[in-house]
Amino acid sequence: MNQKLTISIQDYLKTIYELTENDESATTNALAQKLNISAPSVTGMIQKLASSKPALVEYQKHQGVTLTKDGRKAALEVIRHHRLIET
């Protein structure tokens, strides 16, 4: 992964991972509520993550967002790192 993951991107990836653990897509409204951010801001970030190289999420308007293979890998690294810091 040659992309720098900002704190904000890490929060999005972690939250999307948590919301999609049951093979469902995360809606922008669910993300906005969980991250305490406006829905339009969430949509903007999701579009940014979907157009990044490599794409970290797959986004379809009105269908929600899911992590790509690279996005899932990055999310798991973030979660693992946070758990290590906690211990």
N, C-alpha and C. Protein backbone atom coordinates (compact mmCIF):
# COMPACT_ATOMS: atom_id res chain seq x y z
N MET A 1 0.85 -1.17 0.00
CA MET A 1 0.00 0.00 0.00
C MET A 1 0.90 1.23 0.00
N ASN A 2 0.87 1.94 -1.11
CA ASN A 2 1.73 3.11 -1.24
C ASN A 2 0.97 4.40 -0.94
N GLN A 3 -0.19 4.30 -0.38
CA GLN A 3 -1.02 5.45 -0.07
C GLN A 3 -0.93 5.75 1.42
N LYS A 4 -0.80 7.04 1.76
CA LYS A 4 -0.76 7.44 3.17
C LYS A 4 -2.17 7.43 3.74
N LEU A 5 -2.34 6.72 4.82
CA LEU A 5 -3.65 6.64 5.47
C LEU A 5 -3.71 7.67 6.60
N THR A 6 -4.45 8.73 6.37
CA THR A 6 -4.62 9.75 7.40
C THR A 6 -5.49 9.18 8.53
N ILE A 7 -5.53 9.89 9.62
CA ILE A 7 -6.38 9.48 10.75
C ILE A 7 -7.83 9.38 10.30
N SER A 8 -8.26 10.35 9.49
CA SER A 8 -9.64 10.35 9.00
C SER A 8 -9.91 9.12 8.14
N ILE A 9 -9.02 8.80 7.22
CA ILE A 9 -9.19 7.62 6.38
C ILE A 9 -9.21 6.36 7.24
N GLN A 10 -8.34 6.29 8.22
CA GLN A 10 -8.31 5.14 9.12
C GLN A 10 -9.64 4.98 9.84
N ASP A 11 -10.22 6.09 10.30
CA ASP A 11 -11.52 6.04 10.98
C ASP A 11 -12.61 5.52 10.04
N TYR A 12 -12.61 6.01 8.80
CA TYR A 12 -13.59 5.54 7.82
C TYR A 12 -13.44 4.05 7.57
N LEU A 13 -12.21 3.60 7.32
CA LEU A 13 -11.98 2.18 7.01
C LEU A 13 -12.41 1.29 8.17
N LYS A 14 -12.03 1.70 9.38
CA LYS A 14 -12.40 0.92 10.56
C LYS A 14 -13.91 0.86 10.74
N THR A 15 -14.59 1.99 10.55
CA THR A 15 -16.04 2.04 10.72
C THR A 15 -16.75 1.24 9.63
N ILE A 16 -16.29 1.36 8.39
CA ILE A 16 -16.89 0.59 7.30
C ILE A 16 -16.70 -0.90 7.57
N TYR A 17 -15.51 -1.28 8.04
CA TYR A 17 -15.27 -2.68 8.37
C TYR A 17 -16.25 -3.18 9.43
N GLU A 18 -16.43 -2.39 10.48
CA GLU A 18 -17.34 -2.78 11.56
C GLU A 18 -18.78 -2.90 11.06
N LEU A 19 -19.20 -1.97 10.21
CA LEU A 19 -20.58 -1.99 9.71
C LEU A 19 -20.82 -3.09 8.69
N THR A 20 -19.76 -3.56 8.03
CA THR A 20 -19.93 -4.56 6.97
C THR A 20 -19.47 -5.96 7.39
N GLU A 21 -19.27 -6.18 8.65
CA GLU A 21 -18.82 -7.50 9.12
C GLU A 21 -19.77 -8.63 8.72
N ASN A 22 -21.04 -8.32 8.55
CA ASN A 22 -22.04 -9.34 8.21
C ASN A 22 -22.32 -9.37 6.71
N ASP A 23 -21.33 -9.02 5.89
CA ASP A 23 -21.45 -9.01 4.43
C ASP A 23 -22.55 -8.10 3.92
N GLU A 24 -22.82 -7.03 4.62
CA GLU A 24 -23.77 -6.03 4.17
C GLU A 24 -22.98 -4.77 3.82
N SER A 25 -23.58 -3.90 3.02
CA SER A 25 -22.90 -2.65 2.71
C SER A 25 -23.26 -1.61 3.76
N ALA A 26 -22.35 -0.69 3.98
CA ALA A 26 -22.57 0.38 4.94
C ALA A 26 -23.18 1.57 4.21
N THR A 27 -24.25 2.11 4.73
CA THR A 27 -24.88 3.27 4.10
C THR A 27 -24.16 4.54 4.53
N THR A 28 -24.30 5.58 3.72
CA THR A 28 -23.67 6.85 4.08
C THR A 28 -24.29 7.41 5.35
N ASN A 29 -25.59 7.19 5.54
CA ASN A 29 -26.24 7.69 6.76
C ASN A 29 -25.72 6.96 8.00
N ALA A 30 -25.50 5.65 7.89
CA ALA A 30 -24.97 4.89 9.03
C ALA A 30 -23.56 5.35 9.36
N LEU A 31 -22.75 5.58 8.32
CA LEU A 31 -21.39 6.08 8.54
C LEU A 31 -21.41 7.47 9.17
N ALA A 32 -22.27 8.34 8.65
CA ALA A 32 -22.38 9.70 9.16
C ALA A 32 -22.75 9.70 10.64
N GLN A 33 -23.70 8.84 11.00
CA GLN A 33 -24.13 8.77 12.39
C GLN A 33 -23.03 8.23 13.28
N LYS A 34 -22.38 7.17 12.84
CA LYS A 34 -21.34 6.54 13.66
C LYS A 34 -20.11 7.44 13.82
N LEU A 35 -19.76 8.18 12.75
CA LEU A 35 -18.58 9.05 12.79
C LEU A 35 -18.91 10.47 13.25
N ASN A 36 -20.21 10.74 13.46
CA ASN A 36 -20.66 12.07 13.88
C ASN A 36 -20.24 13.15 12.89
N ILE A 37 -20.49 12.86 11.60
CA ILE A 37 -20.14 13.75 10.49
C ILE A 37 -21.38 13.87 9.61
N SER A 38 -21.48 14.95 8.85
CA SER A 38 -22.63 15.12 7.96
C SER A 38 -22.58 14.11 6.82
N ALA A 39 -23.75 13.72 6.34
CA ALA A 39 -23.84 12.74 5.25
C ALA A 39 -23.14 13.21 3.97
N PRO A 40 -23.26 14.50 3.58
CA PRO A 40 -22.54 14.94 2.38
C PRO A 40 -21.01 14.83 2.53
N SER A 41 -20.50 15.07 3.72
CA SER A 41 -19.06 14.92 3.96
C SER A 41 -18.64 13.46 3.81
N VAL A 42 -19.47 12.56 4.31
CA VAL A 42 -19.20 11.13 4.19
C VAL A 42 -19.18 10.73 2.72
N THR A 43 -20.16 11.20 1.96
CA THR A 43 -20.22 10.87 0.53
C THR A 43 -18.96 11.35 -0.18
N GLY A 44 -18.50 12.55 0.14
CA GLY A 44 -17.29 13.08 -0.47
C GLY A 44 -16.07 12.22 -0.18
N MET A 45 -15.92 11.80 1.07
CA MET A 45 -14.78 10.96 1.44
C MET A 45 -14.88 9.59 0.79
N ILE A 46 -16.06 9.02 0.75
CA ILE A 46 -16.24 7.71 0.14
C ILE A 46 -15.87 7.76 -1.35
N GLN A 47 -16.29 8.83 -2.02
CA GLN A 47 -15.94 8.98 -3.43
C GLN A 47 -14.43 9.10 -3.61
N LYS A 48 -13.78 9.79 -2.68
CA LYS A 48 -12.32 9.92 -2.71
C LYS A 48 -11.66 8.55 -2.53
N LEU A 49 -12.16 7.77 -1.57
CA LEU A 49 -11.59 6.45 -1.32
C LEU A 49 -11.86 5.49 -2.48
N ALA A 50 -12.99 5.66 -3.15
CA ALA A 50 -13.33 4.80 -4.28
C ALA A 50 -12.48 5.12 -5.51
N SER A 51 -12.04 6.37 -5.63
CA SER A 51 -11.26 6.77 -6.81
C SER A 51 -9.76 6.73 -6.55
N SER A 52 -9.35 6.40 -5.32
CA SER A 52 -7.92 6.34 -5.01
C SER A 52 -7.29 5.15 -5.72
N LYS A 53 -5.97 5.19 -5.83
CA LYS A 53 -5.22 4.07 -6.43
C LYS A 53 -4.35 3.46 -5.36
N PRO A 54 -4.56 2.26 -4.93
CA PRO A 54 -5.68 1.39 -5.29
C PRO A 54 -6.96 1.82 -4.58
N ALA A 55 -8.08 1.49 -5.17
CA ALA A 55 -9.38 1.84 -4.58
C ALA A 55 -9.53 1.09 -3.26
N LEU A 56 -9.95 1.79 -2.22
CA LEU A 56 -10.12 1.17 -0.91
C LEU A 56 -11.56 0.75 -0.65
N VAL A 57 -12.50 1.35 -1.38
CA VAL A 57 -13.91 1.00 -1.22
C VAL A 57 -14.58 0.90 -2.59
N GLU A 58 -15.69 0.18 -2.60
CA GLU A 58 -16.59 0.16 -3.76
C GLU A 58 -17.85 0.88 -3.33
N TYR A 59 -18.22 1.89 -4.10
CA TYR A 59 -19.38 2.71 -3.74
C TYR A 59 -20.35 2.76 -4.90
N GLN A 60 -21.61 2.50 -4.60
CA GLN A 60 -22.69 2.66 -5.57
C GLN A 60 -23.76 3.52 -4.91
N LYS A 61 -24.10 4.60 -5.58
CA LYS A 61 -25.08 5.52 -5.04
C LYS A 61 -26.36 4.77 -4.67
N HIS A 62 -26.89 5.03 -3.51
CA HIS A 62 -28.10 4.41 -2.95
C HIS A 62 -27.94 2.93 -2.62
N GLN A 63 -26.75 2.38 -2.78
CA GLN A 63 -26.50 0.98 -2.44
C GLN A 63 -25.55 0.85 -1.26
N GLY A 64 -24.82 1.89 -0.96
CA GLY A 64 -23.89 1.85 0.16
C GLY A 64 -22.46 1.60 -0.30
N VAL A 65 -21.64 1.26 0.66
CA VAL A 65 -20.21 1.12 0.41
C VAL A 65 -19.70 -0.17 1.03
N THR A 66 -18.77 -0.82 0.35
CA THR A 66 -18.10 -1.99 0.88
C THR A 66 -16.60 -1.82 0.66
N LEU A 67 -15.82 -2.52 1.44
CA LEU A 67 -14.36 -2.45 1.30
C LEU A 67 -13.90 -3.33 0.15
N THR A 68 -12.90 -2.86 -0.58
CA THR A 68 -12.24 -3.69 -1.58
C THR A 68 -11.26 -4.60 -0.85
N LYS A 69 -10.59 -5.45 -1.59
CA LYS A 69 -9.59 -6.32 -0.99
C LYS A 69 -8.49 -5.48 -0.32
N ASP A 70 -8.04 -4.44 -1.01
CA ASP A 70 -7.01 -3.55 -0.44
C ASP A 70 -7.56 -2.77 0.75
N GLY A 71 -8.81 -2.35 0.66
CA GLY A 71 -9.43 -1.61 1.76
C GLY A 71 -9.60 -2.47 2.99
N ARG A 72 -9.99 -3.71 2.78
CA ARG A 72 -10.15 -4.64 3.91
C ARG A 72 -8.80 -4.89 4.58
N LYS A 73 -7.76 -5.06 3.77
CA LYS A 73 -6.42 -5.29 4.30
C LYS A 73 -5.97 -4.07 5.13
N ALA A 74 -6.20 -2.88 4.59
CA ALA A 74 -5.82 -1.66 5.31
C ALA A 74 -6.62 -1.51 6.60
N ALA A 75 -7.92 -1.81 6.55
CA ALA A 75 -8.76 -1.71 7.75
C ALA A 75 -8.28 -2.67 8.83
N LEU A 76 -7.94 -3.89 8.44
CA LEU A 76 -7.45 -4.87 9.42
C LEU A 76 -6.12 -4.44 10.02
N GLU A 77 -5.26 -3.82 9.22
CA GLU A 77 -3.99 -3.30 9.74
C GLU A 77 -4.23 -2.19 10.76
N VAL A 78 -5.19 -1.32 10.46
CA VAL A 78 -5.54 -0.23 11.39
C VAL A 78 -6.07 -0.80 12.70
N ILE A 79 -6.99 -1.74 12.60
CA ILE A 79 -7.57 -2.35 13.80
C ILE A 79 -6.49 -3.06 14.62
N ARG A 80 -5.64 -3.81 13.94
CA ARG A 80 -4.55 -4.52 14.62
C ARG A 80 -3.63 -3.52 15.34
N HIS A 81 -3.28 -2.44 14.65
CA HIS A 81 -2.40 -1.43 15.23
C HIS A 81 -3.05 -0.78 16.46
N HIS A 82 -4.34 -0.47 16.37
CA HIS A 82 -5.03 0.14 17.50
C HIS A 82 -5.09 -0.81 18.69
N ARG A 83 -5.28 -2.09 18.42
CA ARG A 83 -5.31 -3.07 19.52
C ARG A 83 -3.95 -3.19 20.19
N LEU A 84 -2.88 -3.14 19.40
CA LEU A 84 -1.53 -3.20 19.96
C LEU A 84 -1.27 -2.00 20.86
N ILE A 85 -1.71 -0.84 20.43
CA ILE A 85 -1.51 0.37 21.22
C ILE A 85 -2.29 0.27 22.53
N GLU A 86 -3.50 -0.31 22.49
CA GLU A 86 -4.31 -0.44 23.70
C GLU A 86 -3.67 -1.35 24.72
N THR A 87 -2.95 -2.37 24.25
CA THR A 87 -2.32 -3.30 25.20
C THR A 87 -0.98 -2.75 25.59
